[in-house]
C-alpha atoms as a PDB file:
ATOM      1  CA  MET A   1      -9.471 -17.533  25.361  1.00  0.00           C
ATOM      2  CA  VAL A   2      -8.267 -17.472  21.734  1.00  0.00           C
ATOM      3  CA  ARG A   3      -6.887 -21.021  22.093  1.00  0.00           C
ATOM      4  CA  GLU A   4     -10.114 -22.234  23.649  1.00  0.00           C
ATOM      5  CA  VAL A   5     -12.251 -20.739  20.850  1.00  0.00           C
ATOM      6  CA  ALA A   6      -9.843 -22.017  18.161  1.00  0.00           C
ATOM      7  CA  GLY A   7      -9.932 -25.516  19.672  1.00  0.00           C
ATOM      8  CA  TRP A   8     -13.717 -25.442  19.837  1.00  0.00           C
ATOM      9  CA  LEU A   9     -13.908 -24.387  16.177  1.00  0.00           C
ATOM     10  CA  GLU A  10     -11.346 -26.961  15.064  1.00  0.00           C
ATOM     11  CA  GLN A  11     -13.678 -29.721  16.234  1.00  0.00           C
ATOM     12  CA  ARG A  12     -16.748 -28.244  14.516  1.00  0.00           C
ATOM     13  CA  LEU A  13     -15.768 -26.454  11.294  1.00  0.00           C
ATOM     14  CA  PRO A  14     -16.670 -28.448   8.188  1.00  0.00           C
ATOM     15  CA  ALA A  15     -13.711 -29.893   6.303  1.00  0.00           C
ATOM     16  CA  GLY A  16     -12.771 -27.933   3.200  1.00  0.00           C
ATOM     17  CA  TRP A  17     -14.069 -24.552   4.297  1.00  0.00           C
ATOM     18  CA  PHE A  18     -10.577 -23.145   4.785  1.00  0.00           C
ATOM     19  CA  THR A  19      -7.073 -24.145   3.713  1.00  0.00           C
ATOM     20  CA  GLY A  20      -5.983 -24.346   7.341  1.00  0.00           C
ATOM     21  CA  PRO A  21      -7.080 -23.348  10.819  1.00  0.00           C
ATOM     22  CA  PRO A  22      -8.860 -19.992  10.834  1.00  0.00           C
ATOM     23  CA  GLU A  23      -7.384 -16.902  12.464  1.00  0.00           C
ATOM     24  CA  VAL A  24      -9.334 -16.238  15.661  1.00  0.00           C
ATOM     25  CA  THR A  25      -9.380 -12.815  17.327  1.00  0.00           C
ATOM     26  CA  VAL A  26     -11.217 -12.211  20.597  1.00  0.00           C
ATOM     27  CA  ASP A  27     -11.966  -9.104  22.636  1.00  0.00           C
ATOM     28  CA  GLY A  28     -14.533  -8.306  25.310  1.00  0.00           C
ATOM     29  CA  GLU A  29     -17.451  -8.118  22.860  1.00  0.00           C
ATOM     30  CA  GLU A  30     -16.585 -10.081  19.742  1.00  0.00           C
ATOM     31  CA  ILE A  31     -15.041 -13.240  18.330  1.00  0.00           C
ATOM     32  CA  LEU A  32     -13.774 -12.766  14.766  1.00  0.00           C
ATOM     33  CA  VAL A  33     -13.145 -15.918  12.701  1.00  0.00           C
ATOM     34  CA  VAL A  34     -11.217 -15.410   9.428  1.00  0.00           C
ATOM     35  CA  GLY A  35     -10.275 -18.364   7.255  1.00  0.00           C
ATOM     36  CA  ALA A  36      -8.282 -18.640   4.032  1.00  0.00           C
ATOM     37  CA  LEU A  37     -10.371 -19.895   1.120  1.00  0.00           C
ATOM     38  CA  PRO A  38      -8.985 -22.580  -1.180  1.00  0.00           C
ATOM     39  CA  GLU A  39      -8.144 -21.561  -4.747  1.00  0.00           C
ATOM     40  CA  GLY A  40     -11.128 -21.641  -7.059  1.00  0.00           C
ATOM     41  CA  GLU A  41     -12.842 -20.148 -10.052  1.00  0.00           C
ATOM     42  CA  GLY A  42     -13.877 -16.507 -10.262  1.00  0.00           C
ATOM     43  CA  ASP A  43     -12.431 -13.314  -8.915  1.00  0.00           C
ATOM     44  CA  VAL A  44     -11.871 -12.650  -5.232  1.00  0.00           C
ATOM     45  CA  LEU A  45     -15.268 -11.042  -4.586  1.00  0.00           C
ATOM     46  CA  GLN A  46     -17.157 -13.785  -6.447  1.00  0.00           C
ATOM     47  CA  ARG A  47     -15.400 -16.532  -4.482  1.00  0.00           C
ATOM     48  CA  ALA A  48     -15.967 -14.762  -1.180  1.00  0.00           C
ATOM     49  CA  ARG A  49     -19.668 -14.134  -1.964  1.00  0.00           C
ATOM     50  CA  ARG A  50     -20.145 -17.741  -3.021  1.00  0.00           C
ATOM     51  CA  PHE A  51     -18.556 -18.993   0.215  1.00  0.00           C
ATOM     52  CA  ARG A  52     -20.638 -16.578   2.262  1.00  0.00           C
ATOM     53  CA  GLU A  53     -23.921 -17.696   0.676  1.00  0.00           C
ATOM     54  CA  GLU A  54     -23.153 -21.426   0.605  1.00  0.00           C
ATOM     55  CA  THR A  55     -22.048 -21.544   4.255  1.00  0.00           C
ATOM     56  CA  ARG A  56     -24.502 -19.037   5.745  1.00  0.00           C
ATOM     57  CA  GLU A  57     -26.787 -21.560   7.466  1.00  0.00           C
ATOM     58  CA  GLN A  58     -23.897 -23.509   9.011  1.00  0.00           C
ATOM     59  CA  ARG A  59     -22.050 -20.332  10.042  1.00  0.00           C
ATOM     60  CA  VAL A  60     -25.168 -18.964  11.737  1.00  0.00           C
ATOM     61  CA  ARG A  61     -25.611 -22.252  13.610  1.00  0.00           C
ATOM     62  CA  LEU A  62     -21.947 -22.320  14.694  1.00  0.00           C
ATOM     63  CA  ALA A  63     -22.076 -18.656  15.696  1.00  0.00           C
ATOM     64  CA  ALA A  64     -25.141 -19.247  17.885  1.00  0.00           C
ATOM     65  CA  GLN A  65     -23.359 -22.072  19.696  1.00  0.00           C
ATOM     66  CA  LEU A  66     -20.182 -20.012  20.089  1.00  0.00           C
ATOM     67  CA  GLU A  67     -22.144 -17.007  21.367  1.00  0.00           C
ATOM     68  CA  ARG A  68     -23.887 -19.116  24.021  1.00  0.00           C
ATOM     69  CA  ARG A  69     -20.636 -20.695  25.171  1.00  0.00           C
ATOM     70  CA  PHE A  70     -18.330 -17.645  25.132  1.00  0.00           C
ATOM     71  CA  ARG A  71     -20.871 -14.821  25.580  1.00  0.00           C
ATOM     72  CA  ARG A  72     -19.571 -12.758  22.671  1.00  0.00           C
ATOM     73  CA  THR A  73     -20.924 -11.893  19.240  1.00  0.00           C
ATOM     74  CA  VAL A  74     -19.349 -13.924  16.435  1.00  0.00           C
ATOM     75  CA  SER A  75     -18.205 -12.310  13.179  1.00  0.00           C
ATOM     76  CA  TRP A  76     -16.849 -14.007  10.069  1.00  0.00           C
ATOM     77  CA  GLY A  77     -14.447 -13.195   7.269  1.00  0.00           C
ATOM     78  CA  VAL A  78     -12.191 -14.768   4.674  1.00  0.00           C
ATOM     79  CA  VAL A  79      -8.790 -14.312   3.113  1.00  0.00           C
ATOM     80  CA  CYS A  80      -9.072 -14.822  -0.627  1.00  0.00           C
ATOM     81  CA  GLY A  81      -6.489 -14.040  -3.284  1.00  0.00           C
ATOM     82  CA  GLY A  82      -4.439 -12.170  -0.696  1.00  0.00           C
ATOM     83  CA  GLU A  83      -7.373  -9.936   0.283  1.00  0.00           C
ATOM     84  CA  ARG A  84      -9.052  -9.941   3.678  1.00  0.00           C
ATOM     85  CA  LEU A  85     -12.843  -9.563   3.478  1.00  0.00           C
ATOM     86  CA  LEU A  86     -15.011  -9.363   6.589  1.00  0.00           C
ATOM     87  CA  PHE A  87     -18.687 -10.327   6.335  1.00  0.00           C
ATOM     88  CA  THR A  88     -20.012  -9.133   9.631  1.00  0.00           C
ATOM     89  CA  THR A  89     -18.268  -7.246  12.395  1.00  0.00           C
ATOM     90  CA  LEU A  90     -19.404  -5.254  15.364  1.00  0.00           C
ATOM     91  CA  SER A  91     -19.162  -1.527  15.569  1.00  0.00           C
ATOM     92  CA  VAL A  92     -19.000  -0.899  19.300  1.00  0.00           C
ATOM     93  CA  PRO A  93     -19.580   2.566  20.766  1.00  0.00           C
ATOM     94  CA  VAL A  94     -16.712   3.829  22.907  1.00  0.00           C
ATOM     95  CA  MET A  95     -17.030   6.673  25.393  1.00  0.00           C
ATOM     96  CA  THR A  96     -14.222   9.224  25.374  1.00  0.00           C
ATOM     97  CA  ARG A  97     -13.627  12.694  26.727  1.00  0.00           C
ATOM     98  CA  LEU A  98     -11.831  15.125  24.457  1.00  0.00           C
ATOM     99  CA  ARG A  99     -10.510  18.596  25.067  1.00  0.00           C
ATOM    100  CA  LEU A 100     -11.083  21.522  22.711  1.00  0.00           C
ATOM    101  CA  GLY A 101      -7.962  20.920  20.595  1.00  0.00           C
ATOM    102  CA  GLU A 102      -8.788  17.242  20.149  1.00  0.00           C
ATOM    103  CA  ARG A 103     -12.399  18.032  19.206  1.00  0.00           C
ATOM    104  CA  ARG A 104     -11.085  20.600  16.743  1.00  0.00           C
ATOM    105  CA  VAL A 105      -9.094  17.842  14.965  1.00  0.00           C
ATOM    106  CA  LEU A 106     -12.237  15.735  14.613  1.00  0.00           C
ATOM    107  CA  ASP A 107     -14.284  18.717  13.439  1.00  0.00           C
ATOM    108  CA  THR A 108     -11.629  19.557  10.828  1.00  0.00           C
ATOM    109  CA  LEU A 109     -11.920  16.020   9.431  1.00  0.00           C
ATOM    110  CA  ILE A 110     -15.698  16.475   9.235  1.00  0.00           C
ATOM    111  CA  ASP A 111     -15.443  19.921   7.595  1.00  0.00           C
ATOM    112  CA  ALA A 112     -12.992  18.520   5.029  1.00  0.00           C
ATOM    113  CA  GLY A 113     -15.356  15.674   4.141  1.00  0.00           C
ATOM    114  CA  VAL A 114     -13.007  12.979   5.448  1.00  0.00           C
ATOM    115  CA  ALA A 115     -15.550  11.897   8.074  1.00  0.00           C
ATOM    116  CA  ARG A 116     -19.310  12.203   8.533  1.00  0.00           C
ATOM    117  CA  SER A 117     -19.320  12.603  12.310  1.00  0.00           C
ATOM    118  CA  ARG A 118     -17.008  12.880  15.301  1.00  0.00           C
ATOM    119  CA  SER A 119     -17.434   9.163  15.838  1.00  0.00           C
ATOM    120  CA  ASP A 120     -16.432   8.455  12.235  1.00  0.00           C
ATOM    121  CA  ALA A 121     -13.492  10.895  12.517  1.00  0.00           C
ATOM    122  CA  LEU A 122     -12.233   9.226  15.687  1.00  0.00           C
ATOM    123  CA  ALA A 123     -12.471   5.781  14.070  1.00  0.00           C
ATOM    124  CA  TRP A 124     -10.521   7.185  11.079  1.00  0.00           C
ATOM    125  CA  CYS A 125      -7.790   8.412  13.455  1.00  0.00           C
ATOM    126  CA  VAL A 126      -7.578   5.031  15.204  1.00  0.00           C
ATOM    127  CA  ARG A 127      -7.289   3.223  11.827  1.00  0.00           C
ATOM    128  CA  LEU A 128      -4.566   5.660  10.768  1.00  0.00           C
ATOM    129  CA  VAL A 129      -2.523   5.007  13.915  1.00  0.00           C
ATOM    130  CA  GLY A 130      -3.086   1.258  13.521  1.00  0.00           C
ATOM    131  CA  THR A 131      -1.813   1.383   9.949  1.00  0.00           C
ATOM    132  CA  HIS A 132       1.196   3.634  10.477  1.00  0.00           C
ATOM    133  CA  GLN A 133       2.219   2.223  13.838  1.00  0.00           C
ATOM    134  CA  ALA A 134       1.354  -1.450  13.194  1.00  0.00           C
ATOM    135  CA  ASP A 135       4.805  -2.775  14.159  1.00  0.00           C
ATOM    136  CA  TRP A 136       4.823  -0.768  17.371  1.00  0.00           C
ATOM    137  CA  ILE A 137       1.266  -1.878  18.227  1.00  0.00           C
ATOM    138  CA  ARG A 138       2.210  -5.565  17.671  1.00  0.00           C
ATOM    139  CA  GLU A 139       5.294  -5.099  19.881  1.00  0.00           C
ATOM    140  CA  LEU A 140       3.140  -3.499  22.563  1.00  0.00           C
ATOM    141  CA  GLN A 141       0.598  -6.365  22.373  1.00  0.00           C
ATOM    142  CA  ALA A 142       3.396  -8.939  22.727  1.00  0.00           C
ATOM    143  CA  ALA A 143       4.729  -7.068  25.763  1.00  0.00           C
ATOM    144  CA  LEU A 144       1.274  -7.153  27.343  1.00  0.00           C
ATOM    145  CA  VAL A 145       1.105 -10.923  26.837  1.00  0.00           C
ATOM    146  CA  ALA A 146       4.466 -11.237  28.599  1.00  0.00           C
ATOM    147  CA  VAL A 147       3.215  -9.055  31.489  1.00  0.00           C
ATOM    148  CA  LYS A 148       0.134 -11.286  31.899  1.00  0.00           C
ATOM    149  CA  GLN A 149       2.351 -14.374  31.988  1.00  0.00           C
ATOM    150  CA  VAL A 150       4.630 -12.864  34.655  1.00  0.00           C
ATOM    151  CA  ARG A 151       1.622 -11.780  36.727  1.00  0.00           C
ATOM    152  CA  ALA A 152       0.166 -15.303  36.517  1.00  0.00           C
ATOM    153  CA  ARG A 153       3.399 -16.716  38.003  1.00  0.00           C
ATOM    154  CA  GLY A 154       3.469 -14.117  40.808  1.00  0.00           C
ATOM    155  CA  PRO A 155       2.105 -14.321  44.325  1.00  0.00           C
ATOM    156  CA  ASP A 156      -1.635 -14.372  44.837  1.00  0.00           C
ATOM    157  CA  ALA A 157      -3.052 -11.001  45.744  1.00  0.00           C
END
């Protein structure tokens, strides 16, 4: 689906918005479009804010079309001066069951002021794993792509 969304965007994104094709990430709920801004005047935040304001109407229009076609919420972001800034992203609730010891970890993070709630503490833990195990996560994602490709070539079930 990423290729399909990227191809759709390639035909519709205004020239000059980004220095190249945007990075497109898709999951079951959201399409995230992140493009690299061309060099310009001002600091990173000023350039990102200016882009966000100047392109808002067109981005909203594109997002509405994308949402109708792909049935997912569309979020936007930019890479500017080496920094990645996201404008809008979903925060999707996830149901989980935790045992006493696992709940105790979350409650410790709350008591220490690291998190405001169990939900916030769990998100903090997921970000921590994503940061410290990024190479392993990427390797795992690549392996899953390979599994999907092998399954697609297999016999019909």
